[in-house]
PDB file of N, CA and C in Angstrom:
ATOM      1  N   MET A   1     -15.363 -22.779  28.068  1.00  0.00           N
ATOM      2  CA  MET A   1     -13.938 -22.695  28.723  1.00  0.00           C
ATOM      3  C   MET A   1     -14.973 -23.905  29.682  1.00  0.00           C
ATOM      4  N   HIS A   2     -15.777 -23.926  30.573  1.00  0.00           N
ATOM      5  CA  HIS A   2     -16.059 -25.288  31.812  1.00  0.00           C
ATOM      6  C   HIS A   2     -15.956 -26.420  31.209  1.00  0.00           C
ATOM      7  N   ASP A   3     -16.750 -26.408  30.058  1.00  0.00           N
ATOM      8  CA  ASP A   3     -17.223 -27.665  29.386  1.00  0.00           C
ATOM      9  C   ASP A   3     -15.767 -28.702  29.099  1.00  0.00           C
ATOM     10  N   LEU A   4     -14.720 -27.710  28.372  1.00  0.00           N
ATOM     11  CA  LEU A   4     -13.326 -28.261  28.635  1.00  0.00           C
ATOM     12  C   LEU A   4     -12.709 -28.422  29.984  1.00  0.00           C
ATOM     13  N   ILE A   5     -12.977 -27.800  30.672  1.00  0.00           N
ATOM     14  CA  ILE A   5     -12.002 -28.185  32.434  1.00  0.00           C
ATOM     15  C   ILE A   5     -13.227 -29.547  33.010  1.00  0.00           C
ATOM     16  N   ALA A   6     -13.929 -29.893  32.577  1.00  0.00           N
ATOM     17  CA  ALA A   6     -14.968 -30.780  32.910  1.00  0.00           C
ATOM     18  C   ALA A   6     -15.016 -31.727  31.901  1.00  0.00           C
ATOM     19  N   PHE A   7     -14.646 -31.580  30.844  1.00  0.00           N
ATOM     20  CA  PHE A   7     -13.970 -33.261  29.938  1.00  0.00           C
ATOM     21  C   PHE A   7     -13.074 -33.950  30.267  1.00  0.00           C
ATOM     22  N   ILE A   8     -12.214 -33.064  30.841  1.00  0.00           N
ATOM     23  CA  ILE A   8     -10.449 -32.964  31.082  1.00  0.00           C
ATOM     24  C   ILE A   8     -10.597 -33.873  32.596  1.00  0.00           C
ATOM     25  N   GLY A   9     -11.350 -33.692  33.370  1.00  0.00           N
ATOM     26  CA  GLY A   9     -11.931 -33.872  34.798  1.00  0.00           C
ATOM     27  C   GLY A   9     -12.123 -35.279  34.791  1.00  0.00           C
ATOM     28  N   SER A  10     -13.183 -35.185  33.751  1.00  0.00           N
ATOM     29  CA  SER A  10     -13.700 -36.884  33.547  1.00  0.00           C
ATOM     30  C   SER A  10     -13.298 -37.678  32.562  1.00  0.00           C
ATOM     31  N   SER A  11     -11.765 -36.938  31.820  1.00  0.00           N
ATOM     32  CA  SER A  11     -10.895 -38.179  31.520  1.00  0.00           C
ATOM     33  C   SER A  11      -9.896 -38.480  31.470  1.00  0.00           C
ATOM     34  N   ALA A  12      -9.611 -37.711  33.378  1.00  0.00           N
ATOM     35  CA  ALA A  12      -8.131 -37.712  33.758  1.00  0.00           C
ATOM     36  C   ALA A  12      -7.779 -38.623  33.643  1.00  0.00           C
ATOM     37  N   ALA A  13      -9.171 -39.729  34.303  1.00  0.00           N
ATOM     38  CA  ALA A  13      -8.511 -41.711  34.552  1.00  0.00           C
ATOM     39  C   ALA A  13      -7.879 -41.865  33.130  1.00  0.00           C
ATOM     40  N   LEU A  14      -8.260 -42.305  32.379  1.00  0.00           N
ATOM     41  CA  LEU A  14      -7.473 -42.642  31.239  1.00  0.00           C
ATOM     42  C   LEU A  14      -6.711 -42.107  29.961  1.00  0.00           C
ATOM     43  N   VAL A  15      -6.042 -40.131  30.590  1.00  0.00           N
ATOM     44  CA  VAL A  15      -4.862 -39.767  30.985  1.00  0.00           C
ATOM     45  C   VAL A  15      -3.978 -40.633  31.653  1.00  0.00           C
ATOM     46  N   ILE A  16      -3.989 -40.017  32.822  1.00  0.00           N
ATOM     47  CA  ILE A  16      -3.157 -41.342  33.815  1.00  0.00           C
ATOM     48  C   ILE A  16      -2.987 -42.644  33.544  1.00  0.00           C
ATOM     49  N   ALA A  17      -3.648 -43.548  33.037  1.00  0.00           N
ATOM     50  CA  ALA A  17      -3.984 -45.030  32.974  1.00  0.00           C
ATOM     51  C   ALA A  17      -2.767 -45.131  31.220  1.00  0.00           C
ATOM     52  N   ASN A  18      -2.551 -43.756  30.232  1.00  0.00           N
ATOM     53  CA  ASN A  18      -1.398 -44.060  29.103  1.00  0.00           C
ATOM     54  C   ASN A  18      -1.168 -43.079  28.741  1.00  0.00           C
ATOM     55  N   PRO A  19      -0.256 -42.639  29.779  1.00  0.00           N
ATOM     56  CA  PRO A  19       0.434 -41.080  29.415  1.00  0.00           C
ATOM     57  C   PRO A  19       1.111 -40.975  28.510  1.00  0.00           C
ATOM     58  N   ALA A  20       2.210 -42.244  27.630  1.00  0.00           N
ATOM     59  CA  ALA A  20       2.623 -41.653  26.586  1.00  0.00           C
ATOM     60  C   ALA A  20       1.438 -41.184  25.716  1.00  0.00           C
ATOM     61  N   ALA A  21       0.589 -42.538  24.809  1.00  0.00           N
ATOM     62  CA  ALA A  21      -0.298 -42.329  24.438  1.00  0.00           C
ATOM     63  C   ALA A  21      -0.848 -40.962  23.963  1.00  0.00           C
ATOM     64  N   PHE A  22      -1.310 -40.643  25.810  1.00  0.00           N
ATOM     65  CA  PHE A  22      -1.861 -38.744  25.559  1.00  0.00           C
ATOM     66  C   PHE A  22      -1.021 -37.560  24.935  1.00  0.00           C
ATOM     67  N   ALA A  23       0.471 -38.152  25.023  1.00  0.00           N
ATOM     68  CA  ALA A  23       1.295 -37.521  25.227  1.00  0.00           C
ATOM     69  C   ALA A  23       1.755 -37.366  23.581  1.00  0.00           C
ATOM     70  N   THR A  24       1.823 -38.189  22.841  1.00  0.00           N
ATOM     71  CA  THR A  24       2.143 -38.863  21.690  1.00  0.00           C
ATOM     72  C   THR A  24       0.248 -38.434  20.565  1.00  0.00           C
ATOM     73  N   PHE A  25      -0.042 -38.089  20.743  1.00  0.00           N
ATOM     74  CA  PHE A  25      -1.583 -37.646  19.833  1.00  0.00           C
ATOM     75  C   PHE A  25      -2.084 -36.018  20.318  1.00  0.00           C
ATOM     76  N   ALA A  26      -1.087 -35.766  21.394  1.00  0.00           N
ATOM     77  CA  ALA A  26      -0.774 -33.979  21.683  1.00  0.00           C
ATOM     78  C   ALA A  26      -0.002 -33.350  20.647  1.00  0.00           C
ATOM     79  N   VAL A  27       0.923 -34.223  20.495  1.00  0.00           N
ATOM     80  CA  VAL A  27       2.106 -33.784  19.469  1.00  0.00           C
ATOM     81  C   VAL A  27       1.702 -33.960  18.049  1.00  0.00           C
ATOM     82  N   LEU A  28       0.667 -35.261  18.120  1.00  0.00           N
ATOM     83  CA  LEU A  28       0.648 -34.816  16.676  1.00  0.00           C
ATOM     84  C   LEU A  28      -0.284 -34.262  16.003  1.00  0.00           C
ATOM     85  N   PHE A  29      -1.550 -33.816  16.912  1.00  0.00           N
ATOM     86  CA  PHE A  29      -2.254 -33.017  16.557  1.00  0.00           C
ATOM     87  C   PHE A  29      -1.825 -31.617  16.927  1.00  0.00           C
ATOM     88  N   ALA A  30      -1.276 -31.293  17.419  1.00  0.00           N
ATOM     89  CA  ALA A  30      -0.602 -29.211  18.155  1.00  0.00           C
ATOM     90  C   ALA A  30       0.573 -29.558  16.136  1.00  0.00           C
ATOM     91  N   GLY A  31       0.815 -30.634  15.789  1.00  0.00           N
ATOM     92  CA  GLY A  31       2.108 -30.157  15.057  1.00  0.00           C
ATOM     93  C   GLY A  31       1.257 -30.416  13.584  1.00  0.00           C
ATOM     94  N   GLY A  32       0.419 -30.908  14.035  1.00  0.00           N
ATOM     95  CA  GLY A  32      -0.995 -31.366  12.036  1.00  0.00           C
ATOM     96  C   GLY A  32      -1.456 -29.690  12.256  1.00  0.00           C
ATOM     97  N   GLY A  33      -1.801 -28.943  13.617  1.00  0.00           N
ATOM     98  CA  GLY A  33      -2.799 -27.885  13.663  1.00  0.00           C
ATOM     99  C   GLY A  33      -1.939 -26.749  12.786  1.00  0.00           C
ATOM    100  N   PHE A  34      -0.465 -27.077  13.119  1.00  0.00           N
ATOM    101  CA  PHE A  34       0.326 -26.004  12.646  1.00  0.00           C
ATOM    102  C   PHE A  34       0.697 -25.859  11.402  1.00  0.00           C
ATOM    103  N   ALA A  35       1.188 -26.979  11.056  1.00  0.00           N
ATOM    104  CA  ALA A  35       1.192 -27.259   9.522  1.00  0.00           C
ATOM    105  C   ALA A  35       0.303 -26.927   8.477  1.00  0.00           C
ATOM    106  N   VAL A  36      -0.780 -27.117   8.862  1.00  0.00           N
ATOM    107  CA  VAL A  36      -1.798 -26.871   8.637  1.00  0.00           C
ATOM    108  C   VAL A  36      -2.550 -25.259   8.189  1.00  0.00           C
ATOM    109  N   GLY A  37      -1.950 -24.482   9.363  1.00  0.00           N
ATOM    110  CA  GLY A  37      -2.060 -22.949   9.699  1.00  0.00           C
ATOM    111  C   GLY A  37      -1.225 -22.608   9.117  1.00  0.00           C
ATOM    112  N   ARG A  38       0.048 -23.417   8.749  1.00  0.00           N
ATOM    113  CA  ARG A  38       1.253 -22.341   8.407  1.00  0.00           C
ATOM    114  C   ARG A  38       1.314 -22.490   6.331  1.00  0.00           C
ATOM    115  N   TYR A  39       0.042 -23.544   6.586  1.00  0.00           N
ATOM    116  CA  TYR A  39       0.535 -23.736   5.003  1.00  0.00           C
ATOM    117  C   TYR A  39      -0.561 -22.942   4.219  1.00  0.00           C
ATOM    118  N   PHE A  40      -2.064 -22.419   5.060  1.00  0.00           N
ATOM    119  CA  PHE A  40      -2.670 -21.764   4.469  1.00  0.00           C
ATOM    120  C   PHE A  40      -2.456 -20.192   4.581  1.00  0.00           C
ATOM    121  N   LEU A  41      -1.400 -19.954   6.087  1.00  0.00           N
ATOM    122  CA  LEU A  41      -0.680 -18.306   5.838  1.00  0.00           C
ATOM    123  C   LEU A  41       0.543 -18.633   5.156  1.00  0.00           C
ATOM    124  N   THR A  42       0.772 -19.358   4.175  1.00  0.00           N
ATOM    125  CA  THR A  42       1.907 -18.849   3.958  1.00  0.00           C
ATOM    126  C   THR A  42       1.947 -17.794   2.215  1.00  0.00           C
ATOM    127  N   GLU A  43       0.895 -17.851   1.868  1.00  0.00           N
ATOM    128  CA  GLU A  43       0.554 -17.477   0.983  1.00  0.00           C
ATOM    129  C   GLU A  43       0.192 -15.513   1.188  1.00  0.00           C
ATOM    130  N   ARG A  44      -0.434 -15.658   2.329  1.00  0.00           N
ATOM    131  CA  ARG A  44      -0.690 -14.468   2.456  1.00  0.00           C
ATOM    132  C   ARG A  44       0.265 -13.823   3.341  1.00  0.00           C
ATOM    133  N   ILE A  45       1.029 -14.392   3.652  1.00  0.00           N
ATOM    134  CA  ILE A  45       2.146 -13.158   4.313  1.00  0.00           C
ATOM    135  C   ILE A  45       3.211 -13.318   3.457  1.00  0.00           C
ATOM    136  N   ALA A  46       3.369 -14.202   2.303  1.00  0.00           N
ATOM    137  CA  ALA A  46       4.340 -13.361   1.109  1.00  0.00           C
ATOM    138  C   ALA A  46       3.706 -12.517   0.448  1.00  0.00           C
ATOM    139  N   ASN A  47       1.989 -12.199   0.229  1.00  0.00           N
ATOM    140  CA  ASN A  47       1.252 -10.928  -0.159  1.00  0.00           C
ATOM    141  C   ASN A  47       1.675 -10.097   1.020  1.00  0.00           C
ATOM    142  N   LEU A  48       1.968  -9.857   1.682  1.00  0.00           N
ATOM    143  CA  LEU A  48       1.877  -8.711   2.422  1.00  0.00           C
ATOM    144  C   LEU A  48       3.411  -8.519   2.662  1.00  0.00           C
ATOM    145  N   GLU A  49       4.642  -9.382   2.527  1.00  0.00           N
ATOM    146  CA  GLU A  49       5.778  -8.896   2.274  1.00  0.00           C
ATOM    147  C   GLU A  49       6.100  -8.309   0.703  1.00  0.00           C
ATOM    148  N   SER A  50       5.280  -8.815  -0.256  1.00  0.00           N
ATOM    149  CA  SER A  50       5.614  -8.848  -2.087  1.00  0.00           C
ATOM    150  C   SER A  50       4.717  -6.761  -1.392  1.00  0.00           C
ATOM    151  N   ARG A  51       4.019  -6.525  -0.951  1.00  0.00           N
ATOM    152  CA  ARG A  51       3.024  -5.761  -0.924  1.00  0.00           C
ATOM    153  C   ARG A  51       4.355  -4.117  -0.205  1.00  0.00           C
ATOM    154  N   ILE A  52       4.781  -4.947   0.598  1.00  0.00           N
ATOM    155  CA  ILE A  52       5.200  -4.165   2.036  1.00  0.00           C
ATOM    156  C   ILE A  52       7.121  -3.836   1.236  1.00  0.00           C
ATOM    157  N   ALA A  53       7.665  -4.435   0.164  1.00  0.00           N
ATOM    158  CA  ALA A  53       8.475  -4.557  -0.478  1.00  0.00           C
ATOM    159  C   ALA A  53       8.613  -3.070  -1.540  1.00  0.00           C
ATOM    160  N   ARG A  54       7.102  -3.848  -2.582  1.00  0.00           N
ATOM    161  CA  ARG A  54       6.832  -2.561  -3.256  1.00  0.00           C
ATOM    162  C   ARG A  54       6.667  -0.793  -2.470  1.00  0.00           C
ATOM    163  N   ARG A  55       5.840  -0.920  -1.765  1.00  0.00           N
ATOM    164  CA  ARG A  55       5.740   0.237  -0.744  1.00  0.00           C
ATOM    165  C   ARG A  55       7.332   0.908  -1.071  1.00  0.00           C
ATOM    166  N   ASP A  56       8.091   0.824  -0.385  1.00  0.00           N
ATOM    167  CA  ASP A  56       9.381   0.447  -0.410  1.00  0.00           C
ATOM    168  C   ASP A  56       9.901   1.193  -1.387  1.00  0.00           C
ATOM    169  N   GLU A  57       9.419   0.769  -2.694  1.00  0.00           N
ATOM    170  CA  GLU A  57       9.765   1.123  -4.032  1.00  0.00           C
ATOM    171  C   GLU A  57       9.732   2.129  -4.306  1.00  0.00           C
ATOM    172  N   GLU A  58       7.979   2.214  -4.198  1.00  0.00           N
ATOM    173  CA  GLU A  58       7.534   3.654  -4.560  1.00  0.00           C
ATOM    174  C   GLU A  58       7.924   4.876  -3.440  1.00  0.00           C
ATOM    175  N   ILE A  59       8.122   4.333  -2.128  1.00  0.00           N
ATOM    176  CA  ILE A  59       9.102   5.712  -1.399  1.00  0.00           C
ATOM    177  C   ILE A  59       9.915   5.949  -2.059  1.00  0.00           C
ATOM    178  N   ALA A  60      11.355   5.394  -2.055  1.00  0.00           N
ATOM    179  CA  ALA A  60      12.710   5.515  -2.634  1.00  0.00           C
ATOM    180  C   ALA A  60      12.141   6.445  -3.945  1.00  0.00           C
ATOM    181  N   ASP A  61      11.081   5.533  -4.683  1.00  0.00           N
ATOM    182  CA  ASP A  61      10.831   6.795  -6.281  1.00  0.00           C
ATOM    183  C   ASP A  61      10.078   8.227  -5.946  1.00  0.00           C
ATOM    184  N   LEU A  62       9.149   7.978  -5.145  1.00  0.00           N
ATOM    185  CA  LEU A  62       9.020   9.758  -4.233  1.00  0.00           C
ATOM    186  C   LEU A  62      10.002  10.446  -4.259  1.00  0.00           C
ATOM    187  N   LYS A  63      10.394  10.218  -2.924  1.00  0.00           N
ATOM    188  CA  LYS A  63      12.408  10.672  -2.301  1.00  0.00           C
ATOM    189  C   LYS A  63      12.635  10.733  -3.199  1.00  0.00           C
ATOM    190  N   ALA A  64      13.290  10.211  -4.597  1.00  0.00           N
ATOM    191  CA  ALA A  64      14.430  10.680  -5.925  1.00  0.00           C
ATOM    192  C   ALA A  64      13.448  11.861  -6.458  1.00  0.00           C
ATOM    193  N   GLU A  65      11.981  11.708  -6.714  1.00  0.00           N
ATOM    194  CA  GLU A  65      11.574  12.765  -7.390  1.00  0.00           C
ATOM    195  C   GLU A  65      11.774  13.720  -6.988  1.00  0.00           C
ATOM    196  N   HIS A  66      11.035  13.519  -5.424  1.00  0.00           N
ATOM    197  CA  HIS A  66      11.191  15.597  -4.447  1.00  0.00           C
ATOM    198  C   HIS A  66      12.804  15.586  -4.261  1.00  0.00           C
ATOM    199  N   LEU A  67      13.546  15.333  -4.173  1.00  0.00           N
ATOM    200  CA  LEU A  67      14.819  15.564  -4.822  1.00  0.00           C
ATOM    201  C   LEU A  67      15.203  16.251  -6.011  1.00  0.00           C
ATOM    202  N   ALA A  68      14.815  15.634  -7.198  1.00  0.00           N
ATOM    203  CA  ALA A  68      15.621  15.672  -8.978  1.00  0.00           C
ATOM    204  C   ALA A  68      15.698  17.111  -9.178  1.00  0.00           C
ATOM    205  N   PRO A  69      14.020  17.565  -8.994  1.00  0.00           N
ATOM    206  CA  PRO A  69      14.106  19.382  -9.338  1.00  0.00           C
ATOM    207  C   PRO A  69      15.003  19.582  -8.764  1.00  0.00           C
ATOM    208  N   GLU A  70      15.071  20.047  -7.234  1.00  0.00           N
ATOM    209  CA  GLU A  70      16.383  20.920  -6.747  1.00  0.00           C
ATOM    210  C   GLU A  70      17.519  21.255  -7.588  1.00  0.00           C
ATOM    211  N   GLN A  71      18.305  19.406  -7.620  1.00  0.00           N
ATOM    212  CA  GLN A  71      18.927  19.360  -7.966  1.00  0.00           C
ATOM    213  C   GLN A  71      19.560  19.737  -9.866  1.00  0.00           C
ATOM    214  N   GLY A  72      18.918  19.658 -10.696  1.00  0.00           N
ATOM    215  CA  GLY A  72      19.088  19.601 -11.729  1.00  0.00           C
ATOM    216  C   GLY A  72      18.193  20.264 -12.974  1.00  0.00           C
ATOM    217  N   GLY A  73      16.875  21.050 -12.035  1.00  0.00           N
ATOM    218  CA  GLY A  73      16.567  22.018 -12.858  1.00  0.00           C
ATOM    219  C   GLY A  73      14.322  20.904 -13.224  1.00  0.00           C
ATOM    220  N   PRO A  74      14.151  21.242 -14.218  1.00  0.00           N
ATOM    221  CA  PRO A  74      12.759  21.174 -14.528  1.00  0.00           C
ATOM    222  C   PRO A  74      13.206  19.738 -15.466  1.00  0.00           C
ATOM    223  N   SER A  75      12.240  18.588 -14.402  1.00  0.00           N
ATOM    224  CA  SER A  75      12.363  17.187 -15.131  1.00  0.00           C
ATOM    225  C   SER A  75      11.673  16.895 -16.471  1.00  0.00           C
ATOM    226  N   VAL A  76      10.930  17.857 -16.888  1.00  0.00           N
ATOM    227  CA  VAL A  76       9.912  18.066 -18.559  1.00  0.00           C
ATOM    228  C   VAL A  76      10.829  18.757 -19.117  1.00  0.00           C
ATOM    229  N   PRO A  77      11.399  18.315 -20.653  1.00  0.00           N
ATOM    230  CA  PRO A  77      11.797  18.998 -21.576  1.00  0.00           C
ATOM    231  C   PRO A  77      11.135  19.721 -21.676  1.00  0.00           C
ATOM    232  N   LEU A  78      11.471  21.440 -22.149  1.00  0.00           N
ATOM    233  CA  LEU A  78      10.329  22.278 -22.672  1.00  0.00           C
ATOM    234  C   LEU A  78      10.691  22.704 -23.939  1.00  0.00           C
ATOM    235  N   PHE A  79      10.049  22.917 -25.046  1.00  0.00           N
ATOM    236  CA  PHE A  79      10.215  22.632 -26.240  1.00  0.00           C
ATOM    237  C   PHE A  79      10.322  24.150 -26.966  1.00  0.00           C
ATOM    238  N   GLU A  80      10.465  24.729 -28.201  1.00  0.00           N
ATOM    239  CA  GLU A  80      10.654  26.000 -29.124  1.00  0.00           C
ATOM    240  C   GLU A  80       8.910  26.416 -28.897  1.00  0.00           C
ATOM    241  N   MET A  81       8.813  27.415 -28.699  1.00  0.00           N
ATOM    242  CA  MET A  81       7.302  27.780 -27.999  1.00  0.00           C
ATOM    243  C   MET A  81       6.788  28.611 -29.705  1.00  0.00           C
ATOM    244  N   THR A  82       5.790  28.384 -30.674  1.00  0.00           N
ATOM    245  CA  THR A  82       5.721  28.962 -31.211  1.00  0.00           C
ATOM    246  C   THR A  82       4.088  29.585 -31.429  1.00  0.00           C
ATOM    247  N   GLU A  83       4.195  30.734 -31.274  1.00  0.00           N
ATOM    248  CA  GLU A  83       2.987  31.660 -31.284  1.00  0.00           C
ATOM    249  C   GLU A  83       1.874  31.503 -32.658  1.00  0.00           C
ATOM    250  N   VAL A  84       0.982  30.381 -32.507  1.00  0.00           N
ATOM    251  CA  VAL A  84      -0.460  30.569 -33.957  1.00  0.00           C
ATOM    252  C   VAL A  84      -1.117  32.234 -32.865  1.00  0.00           C
ATOM    253  N   LEU A  85      -1.613  32.095 -34.514  1.00  0.00           N
ATOM    254  CA  LEU A  85      -2.417  33.257 -34.513  1.00  0.00           C
ATOM    255  C   LEU A  85      -3.732  32.762 -35.062  1.00  0.00           C
ATOM    256  N   PRO A  86      -5.050  33.483 -35.006  1.00  0.00           N
ATOM    257  CA  PRO A  86      -5.838  33.178 -35.780  1.00  0.00           C
ATOM    258  C   PRO A  86      -5.913  33.764 -37.383  1.00  0.00           C
ATOM    259  N   PRO A  87      -6.721  33.263 -38.434  1.00  0.00           N
ATOM    260  CA  PRO A  87      -6.476  33.939 -40.612  1.00  0.00           C
ATOM    261  C   PRO A  87      -6.972  35.269 -39.624  1.00  0.00           C
ATOM    262  N   ALA A  88      -6.457  36.466 -40.646  1.00  0.00           N
ATOM    263  CA  ALA A  88      -7.150  38.238 -40.804  1.00  0.00           C
ATOM    264  C   ALA A  88      -8.160  37.557 -41.072  1.00  0.00           C
ATOM    265  N   PRO A  89      -9.439  38.868 -40.706  1.00  0.00           N
ATOM    266  CA  PRO A  89     -10.555  38.839 -41.063  1.00  0.00           C
ATOM    267  C   PRO A  89     -11.209  39.148 -42.189  1.00  0.00           C
ATOM    268  N   LEU A  90     -11.846  38.343 -43.013  1.00  0.00           N
ATOM    269  CA  LEU A  90     -12.010  37.816 -44.409  1.00  0.00           C
ATOM    270  C   LEU A  90     -12.833  39.740 -44.894  1.00  0.00           C
ATOM    271  N   ASN A  91     -12.562  39.903 -46.051  1.00  0.00           N
ATOM    272  CA  ASN A  91     -12.978  41.403 -46.537  1.00  0.00           C
ATOM    273  C   ASN A  91     -13.882  41.475 -47.646  1.00  0.00           C
ATOM    274  N   PHE A  92     -15.063  41.285 -47.028  1.00  0.00           N
ATOM    275  CA  PHE A  92     -16.207  40.905 -48.219  1.00  0.00           C
ATOM    276  C   PHE A  92     -16.290  42.071 -49.213  1.00  0.00           C
ATOM    277  N   ASN A  93     -15.813  43.047 -48.866  1.00  0.00           N
ATOM    278  CA  ASN A  93     -15.819  44.113 -50.037  1.00  0.00           C
ATOM    279  C   ASN A  93     -14.672  43.768 -51.112  1.00  0.00           C
ATOM    280  N   ARG A  94     -13.628  43.364 -50.911  1.00  0.00           N
ATOM    281  CA  ARG A  94     -12.726  43.214 -51.731  1.00  0.00           C
ATOM    282  C   ARG A  94     -12.787  41.998 -52.262  1.00  0.00           C
ATOM    283  N   LEU A  95     -13.429  40.787 -51.642  1.00  0.00           N
ATOM    284  CA  LEU A  95     -13.893  39.910 -52.795  1.00  0.00           C
ATOM    285  C   LEU A  95     -14.852  39.860 -53.855  1.00  0.00           C
ATOM    286  N   LEU A  96     -15.226  40.588 -53.632  1.00  0.00           N
ATOM    287  CA  LEU A  96     -16.818  41.286 -54.785  1.00  0.00           C
ATOM    288  C   LEU A  96     -16.063  42.004 -55.771  1.00  0.00           C
ATOM    289  N   ALA A  97     -15.121  43.102 -54.959  1.00  0.00           N
ATOM    290  CA  ALA A  97     -14.309  44.399 -56.153  1.00  0.00           C
ATOM    291  C   ALA A  97     -13.774  43.073 -57.156  1.00  0.00           C
ATOM    292  N   GLN A  98     -13.209  42.023 -56.626  1.00  0.00           N
ATOM    293  CA  GLN A  98     -12.473  41.364 -57.643  1.00  0.00           C
ATOM    294  C   GLN A  98     -12.923  40.170 -57.965  1.00  0.00           C
ATOM    295  N   ARG A  99     -14.013  39.935 -57.711  1.00  0.00           N
ATOM    296  CA  ARG A  99     -15.190  39.006 -58.290  1.00  0.00           C
ATOM    297  C   ARG A  99     -15.117  39.829 -60.204  1.00  0.00           C
ATOM    298  N   LYS A 100     -15.779  41.234 -59.413  1.00  0.00           N
ATOM    299  CA  LYS A 100     -16.336  41.725 -60.873  1.00  0.00           C
ATOM    300  C   LYS A 100     -15.460  42.091 -61.977  1.00  0.00           C
ATOM    301  N   GLU A 101     -14.155  42.192 -61.357  1.00  0.00           N
ATOM    302  CA  GLU A 101     -12.932  42.477 -62.165  1.00  0.00           C
ATOM    303  C   GLU A 101     -13.142  41.510 -62.917  1.00  0.00           C
ATOM    304  N   ASN A 102     -12.945  40.518 -62.768  1.00  0.00           N
ATOM    305  CA  ASN A 102     -12.113  39.051 -63.538  1.00  0.00           C
ATOM    306  C   ASN A 102     -13.596  38.412 -64.222  1.00  0.00           C
ATOM    307  N   ARG A 103     -14.618  39.423 -64.046  1.00  0.00           N
ATOM    308  CA  ARG A 103     -15.480  39.029 -65.434  1.00  0.00           C
ATOM    309  C   ARG A 103     -15.385  39.266 -66.904  1.00  0.00           C
ATOM    310  N   HIS A 104     -15.200  38.540 -67.218  1.00  0.00           N
ATOM    311  CA  HIS A 104     -15.242  38.447 -68.930  1.00  0.00           C
ATOM    312  C   HIS A 104     -16.123  38.879 -69.857  1.00  0.00           C
ATOM    313  N   VAL A 105     -16.408  40.259 -70.495  1.00  0.00           N
ATOM    314  CA  VAL A 105     -17.717  40.225 -70.989  1.00  0.00           C
ATOM    315  C   VAL A 105     -17.147  39.354 -71.994  1.00  0.00           C
ATOM    316  N   GLY A 106     -17.674  39.328 -73.091  1.00  0.00           N
ATOM    317  CA  GLY A 106     -17.530  39.114 -74.654  1.00  0.00           C
ATOM    318  C   GLY A 106     -18.440  39.444 -75.662  1.00  0.00           C
TER     319      GLY A 106
END
């Protein structure tokens, strides 16, 4: 900062001699810097705005989900439940008896 003040102090005679040119260049450079900064930050601003909009939609969806079960019951449809039982145990003695009965002796 001290160097900037020293530079302005040493260039004060030039600025006082040509105030219109100094003001013109100051406005051009300040406007150019603002335009370049605005151009580079526009995409970032749009990205942040879309994230805010998406978050607002998610909040609204979650609030609607939170209120829906209280009003209308469960949101998941219930299907008829059937009981699935394991098969009956094998009776090996009965299988052996059937095998001997079916034997054809000829």
